[in-house]
Amino acid sequence: MGLESSLCTGATGREDWDYAHCLPYFKRLEKSLAHGDSEFRGNDGPQILERAPADHPLFQAFFSAAQQAGYSLTPDTTVLSKRASPPSSG
């Protein structure tokens, strides 16, 4: 049981509110300009999703520091299979 499950199921106590059950509804809501239609993003919904530009020098400093701390960068932070994870402690 991971984050995706605890966010939905834990808040409601209902097994049918897990990530797999909620994802189709989120996809129908979204019109993702940055990622288009994919396994995790919708492209025909009323809610437009667009990435903000990360062109300020502070963004690059932040991303560099995160990588030095052992985190990986990902183009879409809401995609669970590519979510950055903290460095191992061992």
N, C-alpha and C. Protein backbone atom coordinates (compact mmCIF):
# COMPACT_ATOMS: atom_id res chain seq x y z
N MET A 1 0.86 -1.18 0.00
CA MET A 1 0.00 0.00 0.00
C MET A 1 0.90 1.24 0.00
N GLY A 2 0.78 2.04 -1.01
CA GLY A 2 1.64 3.21 -1.14
C GLY A 2 0.86 4.49 -1.02
N LEU A 3 1.51 5.58 -1.38
CA LEU A 3 0.92 6.91 -1.30
C LEU A 3 -0.37 7.00 -2.09
N GLU A 4 -0.37 6.45 -3.31
CA GLU A 4 -1.55 6.55 -4.16
C GLU A 4 -2.77 5.92 -3.49
N SER A 5 -2.58 4.90 -2.73
CA SER A 5 -3.67 4.23 -2.07
C SER A 5 -4.08 4.97 -0.80
N SER A 6 -3.12 5.47 -0.05
CA SER A 6 -3.44 6.12 1.22
C SER A 6 -4.13 7.47 1.02
N LEU A 7 -3.86 8.16 -0.09
CA LEU A 7 -4.49 9.46 -0.32
C LEU A 7 -5.99 9.33 -0.50
N CYS A 8 -6.43 8.32 -1.23
CA CYS A 8 -7.86 8.16 -1.51
C CYS A 8 -8.52 7.26 -0.49
N THR A 9 -8.05 6.04 -0.34
CA THR A 9 -8.69 5.07 0.53
C THR A 9 -8.63 5.48 1.99
N GLY A 10 -7.46 5.98 2.43
CA GLY A 10 -7.32 6.35 3.84
C GLY A 10 -8.22 7.50 4.24
N ALA A 11 -8.45 8.42 3.35
CA ALA A 11 -9.29 9.58 3.66
C ALA A 11 -10.76 9.21 3.73
N THR A 12 -11.18 8.20 2.99
CA THR A 12 -12.60 7.86 2.93
C THR A 12 -12.93 6.55 3.60
N GLY A 13 -11.94 5.67 3.74
CA GLY A 13 -12.18 4.35 4.29
C GLY A 13 -12.83 3.41 3.27
N ARG A 14 -12.92 3.82 2.03
CA ARG A 14 -13.57 3.03 0.99
C ARG A 14 -12.53 2.47 0.04
N GLU A 15 -12.61 1.18 -0.22
CA GLU A 15 -11.67 0.53 -1.13
C GLU A 15 -11.87 0.98 -2.57
N ASP A 16 -13.08 1.41 -2.95
CA ASP A 16 -13.32 1.81 -4.33
C ASP A 16 -12.88 3.25 -4.61
N TRP A 17 -12.18 3.87 -3.65
CA TRP A 17 -11.63 5.22 -3.85
C TRP A 17 -10.11 5.15 -3.95
N ASP A 18 -9.57 4.03 -4.40
CA ASP A 18 -8.13 3.94 -4.56
C ASP A 18 -7.70 4.62 -5.86
N TYR A 19 -6.41 4.70 -6.06
CA TYR A 19 -5.85 5.42 -7.22
C TYR A 19 -6.38 4.87 -8.54
N ALA A 20 -6.41 3.55 -8.67
CA ALA A 20 -6.86 2.93 -9.91
C ALA A 20 -8.31 3.30 -10.24
N HIS A 21 -9.15 3.40 -9.23
CA HIS A 21 -10.55 3.76 -9.45
C HIS A 21 -10.73 5.26 -9.72
N CYS A 22 -9.90 6.09 -9.13
CA CYS A 22 -10.02 7.55 -9.29
C CYS A 22 -9.39 8.06 -10.58
N LEU A 23 -8.35 7.39 -11.07
CA LEU A 23 -7.61 7.87 -12.22
C LEU A 23 -8.47 8.15 -13.46
N PRO A 24 -9.41 7.29 -13.84
CA PRO A 24 -10.21 7.59 -15.03
C PRO A 24 -11.00 8.91 -14.90
N TYR A 25 -11.43 9.24 -13.71
CA TYR A 25 -12.16 10.49 -13.50
C TYR A 25 -11.24 11.70 -13.63
N PHE A 26 -10.03 11.58 -13.09
CA PHE A 26 -9.06 12.66 -13.23
C PHE A 26 -8.70 12.86 -14.70
N LYS A 27 -8.53 11.76 -15.42
CA LYS A 27 -8.18 11.85 -16.85
C LYS A 27 -9.29 12.53 -17.64
N ARG A 28 -10.56 12.23 -17.31
CA ARG A 28 -11.67 12.87 -18.01
C ARG A 28 -11.76 14.35 -17.72
N LEU A 29 -11.28 14.77 -16.56
CA LEU A 29 -11.30 16.17 -16.16
C LEU A 29 -10.20 16.97 -16.86
N GLU A 30 -9.07 16.35 -17.14
CA GLU A 30 -7.88 17.07 -17.60
C GLU A 30 -7.81 17.28 -19.11
N LYS A 31 -7.19 18.40 -19.45
CA LYS A 31 -6.69 18.66 -20.81
C LYS A 31 -5.24 19.06 -20.62
N SER A 32 -4.36 18.08 -20.67
CA SER A 32 -2.94 18.29 -20.38
C SER A 32 -2.21 18.81 -21.60
N LEU A 33 -1.76 20.05 -21.55
CA LEU A 33 -1.03 20.64 -22.66
C LEU A 33 0.42 20.19 -22.68
N ALA A 34 0.98 19.92 -21.53
CA ALA A 34 2.40 19.54 -21.45
C ALA A 34 2.62 18.06 -21.75
N HIS A 35 1.68 17.21 -21.38
CA HIS A 35 1.91 15.77 -21.49
C HIS A 35 0.96 15.08 -22.45
N GLY A 36 -0.08 15.76 -22.90
CA GLY A 36 -1.02 15.16 -23.84
C GLY A 36 -1.75 13.97 -23.24
N ASP A 37 -2.36 13.21 -24.09
CA ASP A 37 -3.10 12.03 -23.64
C ASP A 37 -2.11 10.91 -23.38
N SER A 38 -2.12 10.37 -22.19
CA SER A 38 -1.19 9.30 -21.83
C SER A 38 -1.88 8.38 -20.84
N GLU A 39 -1.13 7.44 -20.33
CA GLU A 39 -1.67 6.49 -19.36
C GLU A 39 -2.17 7.21 -18.10
N PHE A 40 -1.54 8.33 -17.75
CA PHE A 40 -1.87 9.02 -16.51
C PHE A 40 -2.49 10.40 -16.71
N ARG A 41 -2.57 10.89 -17.94
CA ARG A 41 -3.09 12.23 -18.22
C ARG A 41 -4.17 12.19 -19.28
N GLY A 42 -5.15 13.07 -19.12
CA GLY A 42 -6.20 13.21 -20.11
C GLY A 42 -5.92 14.36 -21.05
N ASN A 43 -6.66 14.40 -22.16
CA ASN A 43 -6.42 15.45 -23.14
C ASN A 43 -7.71 16.08 -23.66
N ASP A 44 -8.87 15.64 -23.19
CA ASP A 44 -10.14 16.13 -23.71
C ASP A 44 -11.02 16.79 -22.67
N GLY A 45 -10.55 16.93 -21.44
CA GLY A 45 -11.39 17.46 -20.38
C GLY A 45 -11.45 18.98 -20.34
N PRO A 46 -12.29 19.53 -19.48
CA PRO A 46 -12.46 20.97 -19.39
C PRO A 46 -11.37 21.70 -18.59
N GLN A 47 -10.63 20.97 -17.76
CA GLN A 47 -9.61 21.60 -16.91
C GLN A 47 -8.26 21.59 -17.62
N ILE A 48 -7.78 22.74 -18.05
CA ILE A 48 -6.52 22.84 -18.77
C ILE A 48 -5.35 22.79 -17.78
N LEU A 49 -4.42 21.90 -18.06
CA LEU A 49 -3.20 21.77 -17.26
C LEU A 49 -2.02 22.17 -18.12
N GLU A 50 -1.22 23.07 -17.60
CA GLU A 50 -0.06 23.54 -18.34
C GLU A 50 1.10 23.70 -17.37
N ARG A 51 2.29 23.33 -17.80
CA ARG A 51 3.48 23.50 -16.97
C ARG A 51 3.91 24.96 -16.99
N ALA A 52 4.27 25.45 -15.84
CA ALA A 52 4.83 26.80 -15.76
C ALA A 52 6.29 26.73 -16.19
N PRO A 53 6.81 27.77 -16.80
CA PRO A 53 8.22 27.73 -17.19
C PRO A 53 9.13 27.72 -15.96
N ALA A 54 10.19 26.97 -16.04
CA ALA A 54 11.16 26.88 -14.95
C ALA A 54 12.48 27.45 -15.45
N ASP A 55 12.43 28.70 -15.91
CA ASP A 55 13.62 29.27 -16.53
C ASP A 55 14.38 30.25 -15.64
N HIS A 56 13.92 30.48 -14.43
CA HIS A 56 14.64 31.35 -13.51
C HIS A 56 15.85 30.60 -12.95
N PRO A 57 16.97 31.27 -12.72
CA PRO A 57 18.18 30.60 -12.20
C PRO A 57 17.94 29.85 -10.88
N LEU A 58 17.00 30.29 -10.08
CA LEU A 58 16.72 29.58 -8.82
C LEU A 58 16.17 28.18 -9.06
N PHE A 59 15.42 28.00 -10.15
CA PHE A 59 14.92 26.67 -10.47
C PHE A 59 16.09 25.73 -10.73
N GLN A 60 17.04 26.18 -11.52
CA GLN A 60 18.19 25.33 -11.83
C GLN A 60 18.99 25.00 -10.57
N ALA A 61 19.13 25.97 -9.67
CA ALA A 61 19.84 25.73 -8.41
C ALA A 61 19.08 24.70 -7.56
N PHE A 62 17.76 24.81 -7.52
CA PHE A 62 16.93 23.88 -6.77
C PHE A 62 17.05 22.46 -7.35
N PHE A 63 16.92 22.35 -8.70
CA PHE A 63 17.00 21.04 -9.34
C PHE A 63 18.38 20.42 -9.13
N SER A 64 19.41 21.22 -9.21
CA SER A 64 20.77 20.73 -9.00
C SER A 64 20.96 20.23 -7.57
N ALA A 65 20.46 20.98 -6.61
CA ALA A 65 20.57 20.58 -5.20
C ALA A 65 19.79 19.30 -4.94
N ALA A 66 18.63 19.16 -5.55
CA ALA A 66 17.84 17.94 -5.38
C ALA A 66 18.60 16.72 -5.92
N GLN A 67 19.20 16.87 -7.08
CA GLN A 67 19.97 15.76 -7.65
C GLN A 67 21.19 15.43 -6.79
N GLN A 68 21.86 16.45 -6.26
CA GLN A 68 23.02 16.21 -5.40
C GLN A 68 22.60 15.50 -4.12
N ALA A 69 21.35 15.70 -3.68
CA ALA A 69 20.84 15.05 -2.47
C ALA A 69 20.36 13.63 -2.76
N GLY A 70 20.39 13.21 -4.04
CA GLY A 70 20.02 11.85 -4.38
C GLY A 70 18.64 11.69 -4.97
N TYR A 71 17.94 12.78 -5.23
CA TYR A 71 16.62 12.70 -5.85
C TYR A 71 16.77 12.71 -7.37
N SER A 72 15.85 12.02 -8.03
CA SER A 72 15.87 12.05 -9.49
C SER A 72 14.83 13.06 -9.97
N LEU A 73 15.09 13.65 -11.13
CA LEU A 73 14.15 14.60 -11.71
C LEU A 73 13.17 13.84 -12.59
N THR A 74 11.95 14.33 -12.66
CA THR A 74 10.93 13.71 -13.48
C THR A 74 10.12 14.80 -14.19
N PRO A 75 9.73 14.57 -15.44
CA PRO A 75 8.96 15.59 -16.16
C PRO A 75 7.53 15.76 -15.65
N ASP A 76 6.99 14.74 -14.97
CA ASP A 76 5.62 14.81 -14.47
C ASP A 76 5.58 14.23 -13.06
N THR A 77 5.54 15.08 -12.07
CA THR A 77 5.65 14.63 -10.68
C THR A 77 4.43 13.87 -10.17
N THR A 78 3.33 13.88 -10.90
CA THR A 78 2.16 13.15 -10.45
C THR A 78 2.10 11.72 -10.97
N VAL A 79 3.03 11.35 -11.84
CA VAL A 79 3.06 9.99 -12.36
C VAL A 79 3.77 9.12 -11.33
N LEU A 80 3.04 8.20 -10.75
CA LEU A 80 3.56 7.43 -9.62
C LEU A 80 4.76 6.57 -9.97
N SER A 81 4.80 6.02 -11.15
CA SER A 81 5.92 5.15 -11.49
C SER A 81 7.21 5.92 -11.68
N LYS A 82 7.13 7.24 -11.81
CA LYS A 82 8.33 8.03 -12.02
C LYS A 82 8.55 9.04 -10.88
N ARG A 83 7.81 8.89 -9.83
CA ARG A 83 7.90 9.84 -8.71
C ARG A 83 9.31 9.83 -8.11
N ALA A 84 9.85 10.99 -7.87
CA ALA A 84 11.16 11.07 -7.24
C ALA A 84 11.08 10.48 -5.84
N SER A 85 12.10 9.82 -5.43
CA SER A 85 12.10 9.24 -4.09
C SER A 85 13.34 9.70 -3.34
N PRO A 86 13.26 9.72 -2.02
CA PRO A 86 14.41 10.17 -1.24
C PRO A 86 15.57 9.18 -1.39
N PRO A 87 16.75 9.66 -1.18
CA PRO A 87 17.92 8.76 -1.29
C PRO A 87 17.85 7.66 -0.23
N SER A 88 18.44 6.54 -0.53
CA SER A 88 18.45 5.45 0.45
C SER A 88 19.35 5.82 1.63
N SER A 89 18.99 5.33 2.80
CA SER A 89 19.75 5.69 3.99
C SER A 89 20.85 4.70 4.28
N GLY A 90 20.99 3.70 3.43
CA GLY A 90 21.98 2.67 3.72
C GLY A 90 23.03 2.63 2.76
